[in-house]
Amino acid sequence: MNEVDIKNSKKFTPDMTVGQALELHPEAGLVFASYHLGGCSHCSINEYETLEQVCMGYGIPLDQLLDSLNNLFDD
């Protein structure tokens, strides 16, 4: 997903990088923290990994993480 797509998007997608997700919504980091991602040295996530890769690597259901992130836009 390129920078123009991110700025025009109102949805988190599996191919989006962690860095792009953090740019898309200011509270995305709180969602990652709720899944224990990125809060400590052994749970860090790489901002260049896609959301799908993070879920595969940490055993988190992709649909569940995407639902949690996309719920940020329901406010």
C-alpha atoms as a PDB file:
ATOM      1  CA  MET A   1       0.000   0.000   0.000  1.00  0.00           C
ATOM      2  CA  ASN A   2       1.549   3.339  -0.980  1.00  0.00           C
ATOM      3  CA  GLU A   3       1.443   6.659   0.901  1.00  0.00           C
ATOM      4  CA  VAL A   4      -1.400   8.117  -1.200  1.00  0.00           C
ATOM      5  CA  ASP A   5      -3.533   5.024  -0.561  1.00  0.00           C
ATOM      6  CA  ILE A   6      -2.883   5.284   3.188  1.00  0.00           C
ATOM      7  CA  LYS A   7      -3.914   8.919   3.387  1.00  0.00           C
ATOM      8  CA  ASN A   8      -7.138   8.224   1.477  1.00  0.00           C
ATOM      9  CA  SER A   9      -7.954   5.024   3.330  1.00  0.00           C
ATOM     10  CA  LYS A  10     -10.307   4.704   6.262  1.00  0.00           C
ATOM     11  CA  LYS A  11      -9.669   0.995   6.659  1.00  0.00           C
ATOM     12  CA  PHE A  12      -6.882  -1.218   7.918  1.00  0.00           C
ATOM     13  CA  THR A  13      -5.887  -4.018   5.528  1.00  0.00           C
ATOM     14  CA  PRO A  14      -3.715  -7.153   5.833  1.00  0.00           C
ATOM     15  CA  ASP A  15      -1.067  -5.790   3.431  1.00  0.00           C
ATOM     16  CA  MET A  16      -0.648  -2.532   5.380  1.00  0.00           C
ATOM     17  CA  THR A  17       2.593  -2.219   7.318  1.00  0.00           C
ATOM     18  CA  VAL A  18       2.609  -1.570  11.041  1.00  0.00           C
ATOM     19  CA  GLY A  19       4.095   1.861  10.320  1.00  0.00           C
ATOM     20  CA  GLN A  20       1.294   2.675   7.893  1.00  0.00           C
ATOM     21  CA  ALA A  21      -1.295   1.528  10.437  1.00  0.00           C
ATOM     22  CA  LEU A  22       0.225   3.808  13.064  1.00  0.00           C
ATOM     23  CA  GLU A  23       0.010   6.716  10.604  1.00  0.00           C
ATOM     24  CA  LEU A  24      -3.591   5.927   9.657  1.00  0.00           C
ATOM     25  CA  HIS A  25      -5.057   6.315  13.141  1.00  0.00           C
ATOM     26  CA  PRO A  26      -3.460   7.821  16.272  1.00  0.00           C
ATOM     27  CA  GLU A  27      -4.895   5.085  18.513  1.00  0.00           C
ATOM     28  CA  ALA A  28      -3.655   2.112  16.472  1.00  0.00           C
ATOM     29  CA  GLY A  29      -0.748   1.753  18.890  1.00  0.00           C
ATOM     30  CA  LEU A  30      -3.216   1.219  21.737  1.00  0.00           C
ATOM     31  CA  VAL A  31      -4.815  -1.625  19.798  1.00  0.00           C
ATOM     32  CA  PHE A  32      -1.397  -3.209  19.199  1.00  0.00           C
ATOM     33  CA  ALA A  33      -0.637  -2.869  22.922  1.00  0.00           C
ATOM     34  CA  SER A  34      -3.925  -4.588  23.789  1.00  0.00           C
ATOM     35  CA  TYR A  35      -2.603  -7.611  21.868  1.00  0.00           C
ATOM     36  CA  HIS A  36       0.746  -7.297  23.687  1.00  0.00           C
ATOM     37  CA  LEU A  37       2.533  -6.149  20.542  1.00  0.00           C
ATOM     38  CA  GLY A  38       5.241  -3.539  20.710  1.00  0.00           C
ATOM     39  CA  GLY A  39       5.270  -2.951  24.444  1.00  0.00           C
ATOM     40  CA  CYS A  40       8.385  -4.793  25.518  1.00  0.00           C
ATOM     41  CA  SER A  41      11.677  -6.000  24.083  1.00  0.00           C
ATOM     42  CA  HIS A  42      10.526  -9.575  23.447  1.00  0.00           C
ATOM     43  CA  CYS A  43       7.172  -8.465  21.963  1.00  0.00           C
ATOM     44  CA  SER A  44       8.390  -5.742  19.651  1.00  0.00           C
ATOM     45  CA  ILE A  45       6.973  -5.460  16.167  1.00  0.00           C
ATOM     46  CA  ASN A  46       8.783  -4.180  13.128  1.00  0.00           C
ATOM     47  CA  GLU A  47       7.124  -1.162  11.537  1.00  0.00           C
ATOM     48  CA  TYR A  48       7.956  -2.620   8.085  1.00  0.00           C
ATOM     49  CA  GLU A  49       6.092  -5.888   8.675  1.00  0.00           C
ATOM     50  CA  THR A  50       2.573  -6.157   7.334  1.00  0.00           C
ATOM     51  CA  LEU A  51      -0.337  -6.694   9.683  1.00  0.00           C
ATOM     52  CA  GLU A  52      -0.717 -10.165   8.197  1.00  0.00           C
ATOM     53  CA  GLN A  53       2.929 -11.007   8.922  1.00  0.00           C
ATOM     54  CA  VAL A  54       2.622  -9.772  12.500  1.00  0.00           C
ATOM     55  CA  CYS A  55      -0.457 -11.915  13.068  1.00  0.00           C
ATOM     56  CA  MET A  56       1.225 -14.974  11.605  1.00  0.00           C
ATOM     57  CA  GLY A  57       4.348 -14.412  13.681  1.00  0.00           C
ATOM     58  CA  TYR A  58       2.543 -13.907  16.977  1.00  0.00           C
ATOM     59  CA  GLY A  59      -0.385 -16.289  16.508  1.00  0.00           C
ATOM     60  CA  ILE A  60      -3.059 -13.590  16.501  1.00  0.00           C
ATOM     61  CA  PRO A  61      -6.138 -14.136  14.318  1.00  0.00           C
ATOM     62  CA  LEU A  62      -5.848 -11.618  11.480  1.00  0.00           C
ATOM     63  CA  ASP A  63      -9.595 -10.971  11.301  1.00  0.00           C
ATOM     64  CA  GLN A  64      -9.688 -10.238  15.014  1.00  0.00           C
ATOM     65  CA  LEU A  65      -6.865  -7.677  14.843  1.00  0.00           C
ATOM     66  CA  LEU A  66      -8.341  -6.027  11.742  1.00  0.00           C
ATOM     67  CA  ASP A  67     -11.768  -5.809  13.399  1.00  0.00           C
ATOM     68  CA  SER A  68     -10.234  -4.201  16.471  1.00  0.00           C
ATOM     69  CA  LEU A  69      -8.296  -1.693  14.379  1.00  0.00           C
ATOM     70  CA  ASN A  70     -11.206  -0.882  12.066  1.00  0.00           C
ATOM     71  CA  ASN A  71     -13.463  -0.307  15.063  1.00  0.00           C
ATOM     72  CA  LEU A  72     -11.350   2.799  15.709  1.00  0.00           C
ATOM     73  CA  PHE A  73     -13.261   4.443  12.851  1.00  0.00           C
ATOM     74  CA  ASP A  74     -16.650   3.741  14.436  1.00  0.00           C
ATOM     75  CA  ASP A  75     -16.276   6.589  16.939  1.00  0.00           C
END
